[in-house]
Amino acid sequence: MRKSFANVVLAAVAAMRTKRQTRRNAKMLQHLSDAQLEDIGLKRADVWHLY
């Protein structure tokens, strides 16, 4: 029982870290110019659609 609870907690922590990194990536992309986004194959509308 204890081991499975620990696994749930670890999974929740991992999910929170992933979500935080995803938000960070989206914010970073949001600060790029339209030309920079186009250089990497994205449009401004894609930033929040992808994240």
C-alpha atoms as a PDB file:
ATOM      1  CA  MET A   1       0.000   0.000   0.000  1.00  0.00           C
ATOM      2  CA  ARG A   2       2.751   2.430   0.935  1.00  0.00           C
ATOM      3  CA  LYS A   3       4.686   1.827  -2.269  1.00  0.00           C
ATOM      4  CA  SER A   4       1.691   2.528  -4.494  1.00  0.00           C
ATOM      5  CA  PHE A   5       0.956   5.785  -2.636  1.00  0.00           C
ATOM      6  CA  ALA A   6       4.558   6.849  -3.165  1.00  0.00           C
ATOM      7  CA  ASN A   7       4.210   6.078  -6.863  1.00  0.00           C
ATOM      8  CA  VAL A   8       1.092   8.260  -7.070  1.00  0.00           C
ATOM      9  CA  VAL A   9       2.894  11.113  -5.351  1.00  0.00           C
ATOM     10  CA  LEU A  10       5.922  10.768  -7.635  1.00  0.00           C
ATOM     11  CA  ALA A  11       3.682  10.716 -10.689  1.00  0.00           C
ATOM     12  CA  ALA A  12       1.877  13.853  -9.514  1.00  0.00           C
ATOM     13  CA  VAL A  13       5.173  15.659  -8.940  1.00  0.00           C
ATOM     14  CA  ALA A  14       6.398  14.608 -12.389  1.00  0.00           C
ATOM     15  CA  ALA A  15       3.169  15.862 -13.966  1.00  0.00           C
ATOM     16  CA  MET A  16       3.512  19.237 -12.216  1.00  0.00           C
ATOM     17  CA  ARG A  17       7.108  19.569 -13.425  1.00  0.00           C
ATOM     18  CA  THR A  18       6.086  18.746 -16.970  1.00  0.00           C
ATOM     19  CA  LYS A  19       3.250  21.281 -16.863  1.00  0.00           C
ATOM     20  CA  ARG A  20       5.586  23.965 -15.507  1.00  0.00           C
ATOM     21  CA  GLN A  21       8.150  23.278 -18.246  1.00  0.00           C
ATOM     22  CA  THR A  22       5.407  23.381 -20.884  1.00  0.00           C
ATOM     23  CA  ARG A  23       4.239  26.799 -19.665  1.00  0.00           C
ATOM     24  CA  ARG A  24       7.844  28.019 -19.639  1.00  0.00           C
ATOM     25  CA  ASN A  25       8.338  26.859 -23.231  1.00  0.00           C
ATOM     26  CA  ALA A  26       5.133  28.539 -24.386  1.00  0.00           C
ATOM     27  CA  LYS A  27       6.108  31.817 -22.715  1.00  0.00           C
ATOM     28  CA  MET A  28       9.538  31.667 -24.304  1.00  0.00           C
ATOM     29  CA  LEU A  29       8.018  31.108 -27.745  1.00  0.00           C
ATOM     30  CA  GLN A  30       5.517  33.895 -27.141  1.00  0.00           C
ATOM     31  CA  HIS A  31       8.409  36.362 -26.841  1.00  0.00           C
ATOM     32  CA  LEU A  32       9.811  35.487 -30.265  1.00  0.00           C
ATOM     33  CA  SER A  33       9.000  37.661 -33.245  1.00  0.00           C
ATOM     34  CA  ASP A  34       6.762  36.399 -36.043  1.00  0.00           C
ATOM     35  CA  ALA A  35       9.849  36.082 -38.255  1.00  0.00           C
ATOM     36  CA  GLN A  36      11.662  33.987 -35.642  1.00  0.00           C
ATOM     37  CA  LEU A  37       8.639  31.749 -35.217  1.00  0.00           C
ATOM     38  CA  GLU A  38       8.412  31.327 -38.977  1.00  0.00           C
ATOM     39  CA  ASP A  39      12.088  30.308 -39.048  1.00  0.00           C
ATOM     40  CA  ILE A  40      11.272  27.355 -36.815  1.00  0.00           C
ATOM     41  CA  GLY A  41       8.096  26.501 -38.703  1.00  0.00           C
ATOM     42  CA  LEU A  42       5.525  28.003 -36.334  1.00  0.00           C
ATOM     43  CA  LYS A  43       2.946  30.747 -36.432  1.00  0.00           C
ATOM     44  CA  ARG A  44       1.906  32.809 -33.429  1.00  0.00           C
ATOM     45  CA  ALA A  45      -1.413  30.950 -33.182  1.00  0.00           C
ATOM     46  CA  ASP A  46       0.477  27.638 -32.998  1.00  0.00           C
ATOM     47  CA  VAL A  47       2.240  28.564 -29.764  1.00  0.00           C
ATOM     48  CA  TRP A  48      -0.752  28.188 -27.440  1.00  0.00           C
ATOM     49  CA  HIS A  49      -2.399  25.575 -29.648  1.00  0.00           C
ATOM     50  CA  LEU A  50       0.620  23.310 -29.218  1.00  0.00           C
ATOM     51  CA  TYR A  51       0.971  24.007 -25.529  1.00  0.00           C
END
